[in-house]
Amino acid sequence: MKLLAKNKKATFDYEILEKIETGIVLTGQEVKSARGGNVDLRGSYISFVDGRPIMKKSKIQPYKYASNLGGYDPERDRELLMKKKEVARFIGLSEENGISIIPLEVLGGRTIKILIAAGRGRKKYDKRQRIKERDIEKRIKKTGDY
């Protein structure tokens, strides 16, 4: 499957604990727009309403060649397609303190899939430490010494 969109900020803000690939319910123009890479996952999250996983705050821009754009909401809530055991597992994880369910990637091919993950939020000092480690690795690769 081809990578259509990635939530780069999620891997920086969260420590990823568990991942799973799920389907998503989209309209026809949303599928075409997603295949064109017009998906923004920044700030989006998964919540559970009546035991159904719903992706909130994700943006899929309108397909530019669609004729009937009246009333289209790019930030509408979208239902995810998961098995009951997977839903129960992620509901249990989301109820733990400090764990969020977030989308990481949108994958496309014949069907559009979402890679979601359970993540624990990083503290500010953890983020600073991670930036420092990356800078050191870059410096070592570039010059060969610290």
N, C-alpha and C. Protein backbone atom coordinates (compact mmCIF):
# COMPACT_ATOMS: atom_id res chain seq x y z
N MET A 1 0.83 -1.18 0.00
CA MET A 1 0.00 0.00 0.00
C MET A 1 0.88 1.25 0.00
N LYS A 2 0.40 2.25 -0.67
CA LYS A 2 1.13 3.51 -0.82
C LYS A 2 0.80 4.45 0.34
N LEU A 3 1.83 5.13 0.84
CA LEU A 3 1.64 6.11 1.91
C LEU A 3 1.06 7.39 1.32
N LEU A 4 -0.14 7.77 1.76
CA LEU A 4 -0.82 8.96 1.25
C LEU A 4 -0.63 10.17 2.14
N ALA A 5 -0.59 9.96 3.46
CA ALA A 5 -0.40 11.05 4.41
C ALA A 5 0.20 10.48 5.69
N LYS A 6 0.95 11.32 6.38
CA LYS A 6 1.60 10.88 7.62
C LYS A 6 1.45 11.96 8.67
N ASN A 7 1.21 11.55 9.90
CA ASN A 7 1.12 12.47 11.04
C ASN A 7 2.49 12.51 11.72
N LYS A 8 3.38 13.35 11.22
CA LYS A 8 4.76 13.41 11.72
C LYS A 8 4.81 13.88 13.17
N LYS A 9 3.93 14.76 13.53
CA LYS A 9 3.92 15.33 14.87
C LYS A 9 3.57 14.27 15.93
N ALA A 10 2.80 13.26 15.54
CA ALA A 10 2.35 12.25 16.50
C ALA A 10 3.51 11.45 17.08
N THR A 11 4.48 11.07 16.23
CA THR A 11 5.60 10.28 16.75
C THR A 11 6.52 11.12 17.64
N PHE A 12 6.48 12.45 17.48
CA PHE A 12 7.26 13.33 18.33
C PHE A 12 6.55 13.57 19.66
N ASP A 13 5.23 13.76 19.61
CA ASP A 13 4.46 14.09 20.81
C ASP A 13 4.09 12.87 21.66
N TYR A 14 4.10 11.67 21.06
CA TYR A 14 3.64 10.48 21.77
C TYR A 14 4.67 9.37 21.69
N GLU A 15 4.72 8.59 22.75
CA GLU A 15 5.49 7.35 22.77
C GLU A 15 4.51 6.26 22.30
N ILE A 16 4.77 5.66 21.16
CA ILE A 16 3.84 4.70 20.55
C ILE A 16 3.94 3.36 21.27
N LEU A 17 2.78 2.85 21.74
CA LEU A 17 2.74 1.60 22.47
C LEU A 17 2.25 0.43 21.60
N GLU A 18 1.22 0.67 20.82
CA GLU A 18 0.62 -0.40 20.01
C GLU A 18 0.02 0.19 18.75
N LYS A 19 0.19 -0.51 17.61
CA LYS A 19 -0.33 -0.03 16.32
C LYS A 19 -1.29 -1.05 15.74
N ILE A 20 -2.22 -0.55 14.89
CA ILE A 20 -3.14 -1.43 14.17
C ILE A 20 -3.62 -0.71 12.90
N GLU A 21 -3.85 -1.48 11.86
CA GLU A 21 -4.34 -0.93 10.60
C GLU A 21 -5.85 -1.15 10.53
N THR A 22 -6.60 -0.08 10.24
CA THR A 22 -8.06 -0.17 10.18
C THR A 22 -8.58 0.43 8.88
N GLY A 23 -9.81 0.08 8.55
CA GLY A 23 -10.48 0.70 7.42
C GLY A 23 -11.18 1.96 7.88
N ILE A 24 -11.67 2.73 6.92
CA ILE A 24 -12.35 3.98 7.23
C ILE A 24 -13.52 4.15 6.27
N VAL A 25 -14.62 4.72 6.76
CA VAL A 25 -15.80 4.96 5.94
C VAL A 25 -15.68 6.35 5.32
N LEU A 26 -15.59 6.40 3.98
CA LEU A 26 -15.45 7.66 3.25
C LEU A 26 -16.48 7.75 2.14
N THR A 27 -16.76 8.98 1.71
CA THR A 27 -17.61 9.17 0.54
C THR A 27 -16.73 9.08 -0.71
N GLY A 28 -17.35 9.06 -1.88
CA GLY A 28 -16.61 8.92 -3.13
C GLY A 28 -15.61 10.01 -3.38
N GLN A 29 -16.00 11.27 -3.16
CA GLN A 29 -15.06 12.37 -3.40
C GLN A 29 -13.94 12.38 -2.37
N GLU A 30 -14.20 11.90 -1.14
CA GLU A 30 -13.16 11.83 -0.13
C GLU A 30 -12.10 10.80 -0.50
N VAL A 31 -12.53 9.69 -1.10
CA VAL A 31 -11.58 8.66 -1.53
C VAL A 31 -10.66 9.23 -2.60
N LYS A 32 -11.24 9.91 -3.59
CA LYS A 32 -10.43 10.48 -4.67
C LYS A 32 -9.49 11.56 -4.14
N SER A 33 -9.96 12.36 -3.23
CA SER A 33 -9.14 13.40 -2.65
C SER A 33 -8.01 12.79 -1.80
N ALA A 34 -8.31 11.74 -1.04
CA ALA A 34 -7.30 11.07 -0.21
C ALA A 34 -6.23 10.44 -1.09
N ARG A 35 -6.63 9.84 -2.20
CA ARG A 35 -5.65 9.24 -3.11
C ARG A 35 -4.74 10.30 -3.72
N GLY A 36 -5.23 11.53 -3.78
CA GLY A 36 -4.42 12.64 -4.25
C GLY A 36 -3.52 13.22 -3.18
N GLY A 37 -3.62 12.71 -1.95
CA GLY A 37 -2.76 13.17 -0.86
C GLY A 37 -3.28 14.39 -0.13
N ASN A 38 -4.56 14.71 -0.25
CA ASN A 38 -5.13 15.89 0.38
C ASN A 38 -5.71 15.58 1.75
N VAL A 39 -4.93 14.92 2.59
CA VAL A 39 -5.37 14.54 3.93
C VAL A 39 -4.43 15.18 4.95
N ASP A 40 -5.01 15.73 6.01
CA ASP A 40 -4.23 16.34 7.09
C ASP A 40 -4.65 15.68 8.40
N LEU A 41 -3.70 15.01 9.06
CA LEU A 41 -4.00 14.30 10.31
C LEU A 41 -3.55 15.05 11.56
N ARG A 42 -2.96 16.24 11.40
CA ARG A 42 -2.48 16.98 12.57
C ARG A 42 -3.64 17.32 13.50
N GLY A 43 -3.47 17.00 14.76
CA GLY A 43 -4.49 17.33 15.76
C GLY A 43 -5.66 16.37 15.80
N SER A 44 -5.67 15.34 14.97
CA SER A 44 -6.80 14.41 14.96
C SER A 44 -6.59 13.31 16.01
N TYR A 45 -7.67 12.71 16.41
CA TYR A 45 -7.64 11.66 17.42
C TYR A 45 -8.83 10.72 17.21
N ILE A 46 -8.78 9.57 17.90
CA ILE A 46 -9.86 8.58 17.81
C ILE A 46 -10.57 8.54 19.16
N SER A 47 -11.90 8.65 19.12
CA SER A 47 -12.69 8.47 20.33
C SER A 47 -13.71 7.36 20.07
N PHE A 48 -14.28 6.85 21.13
CA PHE A 48 -15.23 5.75 21.02
C PHE A 48 -16.61 6.22 21.46
N VAL A 49 -17.56 6.18 20.52
CA VAL A 49 -18.94 6.60 20.78
C VAL A 49 -19.82 5.36 20.64
N ASP A 50 -20.47 4.96 21.72
CA ASP A 50 -21.31 3.77 21.75
C ASP A 50 -20.56 2.53 21.26
N GLY A 51 -19.28 2.42 21.62
CA GLY A 51 -18.48 1.26 21.22
C GLY A 51 -18.01 1.28 19.78
N ARG A 52 -18.20 2.41 19.07
CA ARG A 52 -17.74 2.52 17.68
C ARG A 52 -16.59 3.51 17.63
N PRO A 53 -15.49 3.16 16.95
CA PRO A 53 -14.37 4.11 16.84
C PRO A 53 -14.67 5.20 15.82
N ILE A 54 -14.48 6.45 16.23
CA ILE A 54 -14.74 7.61 15.38
C ILE A 54 -13.46 8.46 15.33
N MET A 55 -13.01 8.79 14.11
CA MET A 55 -11.86 9.67 13.95
C MET A 55 -12.35 11.11 13.88
N LYS A 56 -11.82 11.94 14.75
CA LYS A 56 -12.26 13.33 14.84
C LYS A 56 -11.13 14.28 14.45
N LYS A 57 -11.53 15.44 13.93
CA LYS A 57 -10.63 16.55 13.59
C LYS A 57 -9.64 16.24 12.47
N SER A 58 -9.87 15.22 11.69
CA SER A 58 -9.02 15.00 10.52
C SER A 58 -9.62 15.80 9.36
N LYS A 59 -8.76 16.26 8.48
CA LYS A 59 -9.23 17.10 7.36
C LYS A 59 -8.94 16.41 6.04
N ILE A 60 -9.98 16.20 5.24
CA ILE A 60 -9.82 15.73 3.87
C ILE A 60 -10.40 16.84 2.99
N GLN A 61 -9.52 17.48 2.24
CA GLN A 61 -9.94 18.59 1.40
C GLN A 61 -10.91 18.11 0.32
N PRO A 62 -11.82 18.97 -0.13
CA PRO A 62 -12.76 18.56 -1.17
C PRO A 62 -12.02 18.23 -2.46
N TYR A 63 -12.53 17.25 -3.18
CA TYR A 63 -11.96 16.86 -4.47
C TYR A 63 -12.21 17.99 -5.45
N LYS A 64 -11.17 18.48 -6.08
CA LYS A 64 -11.31 19.71 -6.87
C LYS A 64 -12.14 19.53 -8.13
N TYR A 65 -12.34 18.29 -8.60
CA TYR A 65 -13.14 18.05 -9.80
C TYR A 65 -14.57 17.60 -9.49
N ALA A 66 -14.93 17.57 -8.21
CA ALA A 66 -16.29 17.16 -7.83
C ALA A 66 -17.28 18.27 -8.18
N SER A 67 -18.47 17.88 -8.64
CA SER A 67 -19.44 18.88 -9.09
C SER A 67 -20.32 19.39 -7.94
N ASN A 68 -20.68 18.54 -7.00
CA ASN A 68 -21.60 18.97 -5.93
C ASN A 68 -20.84 19.12 -4.61
N LEU A 69 -20.25 20.30 -4.39
CA LEU A 69 -19.49 20.55 -3.18
C LEU A 69 -20.32 21.21 -2.09
N GLY A 70 -21.57 21.52 -2.35
CA GLY A 70 -22.42 22.19 -1.38
C GLY A 70 -22.61 21.36 -0.12
N GLY A 71 -22.34 21.94 1.01
CA GLY A 71 -22.57 21.28 2.29
C GLY A 71 -21.49 20.28 2.69
N TYR A 72 -20.37 20.23 1.98
CA TYR A 72 -19.30 19.29 2.34
C TYR A 72 -18.50 19.86 3.50
N ASP A 73 -18.29 19.04 4.53
CA ASP A 73 -17.52 19.45 5.71
C ASP A 73 -16.20 18.67 5.73
N PRO A 74 -15.06 19.32 5.47
CA PRO A 74 -13.78 18.61 5.43
C PRO A 74 -13.37 18.02 6.78
N GLU A 75 -13.91 18.54 7.89
CA GLU A 75 -13.52 18.07 9.22
C GLU A 75 -14.58 17.19 9.87
N ARG A 76 -15.44 16.58 9.09
CA ARG A 76 -16.49 15.76 9.69
C ARG A 76 -15.91 14.53 10.39
N ASP A 77 -16.67 13.98 11.33
CA ASP A 77 -16.24 12.77 12.03
C ASP A 77 -16.39 11.59 11.09
N ARG A 78 -15.37 10.70 11.08
CA ARG A 78 -15.38 9.55 10.19
C ARG A 78 -15.27 8.26 11.00
N GLU A 79 -16.13 7.30 10.68
CA GLU A 79 -16.15 6.04 11.40
C GLU A 79 -15.04 5.13 10.90
N LEU A 80 -14.41 4.41 11.84
CA LEU A 80 -13.37 3.44 11.49
C LEU A 80 -13.95 2.04 11.54
N LEU A 81 -13.37 1.15 10.75
CA LEU A 81 -13.84 -0.23 10.66
C LEU A 81 -12.85 -1.14 11.38
N MET A 82 -13.28 -1.66 12.54
CA MET A 82 -12.43 -2.53 13.35
C MET A 82 -13.23 -3.72 13.83
N LYS A 83 -12.53 -4.80 14.15
CA LYS A 83 -13.18 -5.97 14.73
C LYS A 83 -13.52 -5.69 16.19
N LYS A 84 -14.49 -6.42 16.72
CA LYS A 84 -14.95 -6.18 18.09
C LYS A 84 -13.82 -6.36 19.11
N LYS A 85 -12.96 -7.36 18.91
CA LYS A 85 -11.85 -7.58 19.84
C LYS A 85 -10.87 -6.42 19.81
N GLU A 86 -10.62 -5.90 18.61
CA GLU A 86 -9.71 -4.75 18.48
C GLU A 86 -10.30 -3.52 19.15
N VAL A 87 -11.61 -3.31 18.95
CA VAL A 87 -12.28 -2.16 19.57
C VAL A 87 -12.20 -2.28 21.09
N ALA A 88 -12.47 -3.48 21.63
CA ALA A 88 -12.42 -3.68 23.08
C ALA A 88 -11.01 -3.43 23.61
N ARG A 89 -10.00 -3.88 22.87
CA ARG A 89 -8.60 -3.69 23.28
C ARG A 89 -8.26 -2.19 23.34
N PHE A 90 -8.63 -1.45 22.30
CA PHE A 90 -8.29 -0.03 22.26
C PHE A 90 -9.14 0.80 23.21
N ILE A 91 -10.37 0.38 23.48
CA ILE A 91 -11.17 1.08 24.50
C ILE A 91 -10.50 0.92 25.86
N GLY A 92 -10.03 -0.30 26.16
CA GLY A 92 -9.31 -0.54 27.41
C GLY A 92 -8.05 0.30 27.52
N LEU A 93 -7.31 0.39 26.41
CA LEU A 93 -6.09 1.21 26.42
C LEU A 93 -6.41 2.69 26.60
N SER A 94 -7.48 3.16 25.95
CA SER A 94 -7.80 4.59 26.02
C SER A 94 -8.29 4.99 27.41
N GLU A 95 -8.82 4.05 28.17
CA GLU A 95 -9.29 4.36 29.51
C GLU A 95 -8.15 4.44 30.52
N GLU A 96 -6.97 3.93 30.15
CA GLU A 96 -5.82 4.05 31.03
C GLU A 96 -5.39 5.51 31.10
N ASN A 97 -4.79 5.88 32.18
CA ASN A 97 -4.39 7.27 32.39
C ASN A 97 -3.25 7.67 31.45
N GLY A 98 -3.44 8.75 30.71
CA GLY A 98 -2.38 9.29 29.87
C GLY A 98 -2.21 8.64 28.52
N ILE A 99 -3.11 7.75 28.10
CA ILE A 99 -2.97 7.09 26.81
C ILE A 99 -4.04 7.61 25.86
N SER A 100 -3.61 8.00 24.65
CA SER A 100 -4.51 8.50 23.62
C SER A 100 -4.45 7.59 22.41
N ILE A 101 -5.52 7.55 21.64
CA ILE A 101 -5.55 6.80 20.39
C ILE A 101 -5.46 7.83 19.27
N ILE A 102 -4.44 7.71 18.43
CA ILE A 102 -4.17 8.71 17.41
C ILE A 102 -3.92 8.05 16.05
N PRO A 103 -4.28 8.71 14.96
CA PRO A 103 -3.94 8.18 13.64
C PRO A 103 -2.51 8.55 13.28
N LEU A 104 -1.78 7.61 12.68
CA LEU A 104 -0.39 7.86 12.29
C LEU A 104 -0.24 8.08 10.79
N GLU A 105 -0.90 7.22 10.00
CA GLU A 105 -0.71 7.27 8.55
C GLU A 105 -2.01 6.95 7.83
N VAL A 106 -2.13 7.45 6.61
CA VAL A 106 -3.20 7.07 5.69
C VAL A 106 -2.53 6.30 4.56
N LEU A 107 -2.99 5.07 4.35
CA LEU A 107 -2.42 4.20 3.32
C LEU A 107 -3.46 3.97 2.25
N GLY A 108 -3.03 3.93 1.01
CA GLY A 108 -3.98 3.75 -0.08
C GLY A 108 -3.51 2.74 -1.09
N GLY A 109 -4.44 2.19 -1.74
CA GLY A 109 -4.25 1.23 -2.81
C GLY A 109 -5.63 1.06 -3.39
N ARG A 110 -6.10 -0.15 -3.40
CA ARG A 110 -7.48 -0.37 -3.81
C ARG A 110 -8.45 0.17 -2.77
N THR A 111 -8.05 0.06 -1.51
CA THR A 111 -8.85 0.60 -0.40
C THR A 111 -8.01 1.61 0.37
N ILE A 112 -8.67 2.46 1.14
CA ILE A 112 -7.98 3.44 1.98
C ILE A 112 -7.97 2.88 3.41
N LYS A 113 -6.80 2.82 4.01
CA LYS A 113 -6.64 2.32 5.37
C LYS A 113 -6.00 3.40 6.23
N ILE A 114 -6.23 3.29 7.55
CA ILE A 114 -5.64 4.21 8.52
C ILE A 114 -4.81 3.38 9.49
N LEU A 115 -3.57 3.79 9.73
CA LEU A 115 -2.74 3.16 10.75
C LEU A 115 -2.93 3.97 12.02
N ILE A 116 -3.54 3.35 13.04
CA ILE A 116 -3.77 4.06 14.30
C ILE A 116 -2.88 3.44 15.38
N ALA A 117 -2.66 4.21 16.43
CA ALA A 117 -1.79 3.74 17.50
C ALA A 117 -2.28 4.25 18.84
N ALA A 118 -1.94 3.49 19.86
CA ALA A 118 -2.14 3.93 21.24
C ALA A 118 -0.83 4.55 21.67
N GLY A 119 -0.89 5.78 22.15
CA GLY A 119 0.34 6.47 22.53
C GLY A 119 0.22 7.18 23.86
N ARG A 120 1.33 7.20 24.57
CA ARG A 120 1.40 7.93 25.84
C ARG A 120 2.10 9.25 25.56
N GLY A 121 1.49 10.34 26.00
CA GLY A 121 2.04 11.66 25.74
C GLY A 121 3.41 11.85 26.38
N ARG A 122 4.31 12.46 25.62
CA ARG A 122 5.65 12.74 26.14
C ARG A 122 5.64 14.06 26.91
N LYS A 123 6.47 14.13 27.90
CA LYS A 123 6.65 15.37 28.66
C LYS A 123 7.58 16.29 27.88
N LYS A 124 7.58 17.55 28.22
CA LYS A 124 8.39 18.54 27.51
C LYS A 124 9.88 18.20 27.57
N TYR A 125 10.35 17.73 28.73
CA TYR A 125 11.77 17.41 28.87
C TYR A 125 12.14 16.19 28.04
N ASP A 126 11.19 15.25 27.85
CA ASP A 126 11.46 14.10 26.98
C ASP A 126 11.63 14.56 25.54
N LYS A 127 10.82 15.52 25.12
CA LYS A 127 10.93 16.04 23.76
C LYS A 127 12.27 16.74 23.55
N ARG A 128 12.68 17.52 24.54
CA ARG A 128 13.97 18.21 24.43
C ARG A 128 15.12 17.21 24.35
N GLN A 129 15.05 16.16 25.14
CA GLN A 129 16.08 15.13 25.14
C GLN A 129 16.14 14.45 23.78
N ARG A 130 14.99 14.20 23.18
CA ARG A 130 14.94 13.55 21.87
C ARG A 130 15.55 14.45 20.79
N ILE A 131 15.28 15.74 20.85
CA ILE A 131 15.87 16.70 19.90
C ILE A 131 17.39 16.71 20.07
N LYS A 132 17.86 16.71 21.30
CA LYS A 132 19.29 16.73 21.57
C LYS A 132 19.96 15.47 21.02
N GLU A 133 19.34 14.31 21.21
CA GLU A 133 19.90 13.05 20.70
C GLU A 133 19.98 13.07 19.17
N ARG A 134 18.94 13.60 18.52
CA ARG A 134 18.94 13.69 17.05
C ARG A 134 20.06 14.59 16.55
N ASP A 135 20.26 15.73 17.23
CA ASP A 135 21.33 16.65 16.84
C ASP A 135 22.69 16.00 16.97
N ILE A 136 22.88 15.24 18.04
CA ILE A 136 24.16 14.55 18.25
C ILE A 136 24.39 13.52 17.14
N GLU A 137 23.35 12.76 16.80
CA GLU A 137 23.47 11.76 15.73
C GLU A 137 23.81 12.42 14.39
N LYS A 138 23.18 13.54 14.09
CA LYS A 138 23.47 14.26 12.84
C LYS A 138 24.92 14.75 12.82
N ARG A 139 25.36 15.28 13.95
CA ARG A 139 26.73 15.79 14.03
C ARG A 139 27.75 14.66 13.85
N ILE A 140 27.47 13.50 14.45
CA ILE A 140 28.37 12.35 14.33
C ILE A 140 28.42 11.87 12.88
N LYS A 141 27.27 11.79 12.22
CA LYS A 141 27.25 11.38 10.82
C LYS A 141 28.00 12.35 9.93
N LYS A 142 27.84 13.64 10.21
CA LYS A 142 28.44 14.68 9.36
C LYS A 142 29.95 14.77 9.55
N THR A 143 30.41 14.85 10.78
CA THR A 143 31.83 15.08 11.04
C THR A 143 32.57 13.85 11.52
N GLY A 144 31.86 12.89 12.06
CA GLY A 144 32.52 11.69 12.56
C GLY A 144 32.93 11.78 14.01
N ASP A 145 32.73 12.94 14.64
CA ASP A 145 33.03 13.08 16.06
C ASP A 145 31.96 13.92 16.75
N TYR A 146 31.97 13.87 18.06
CA TYR A 146 30.98 14.61 18.85
C TYR A 146 31.55 15.91 19.19
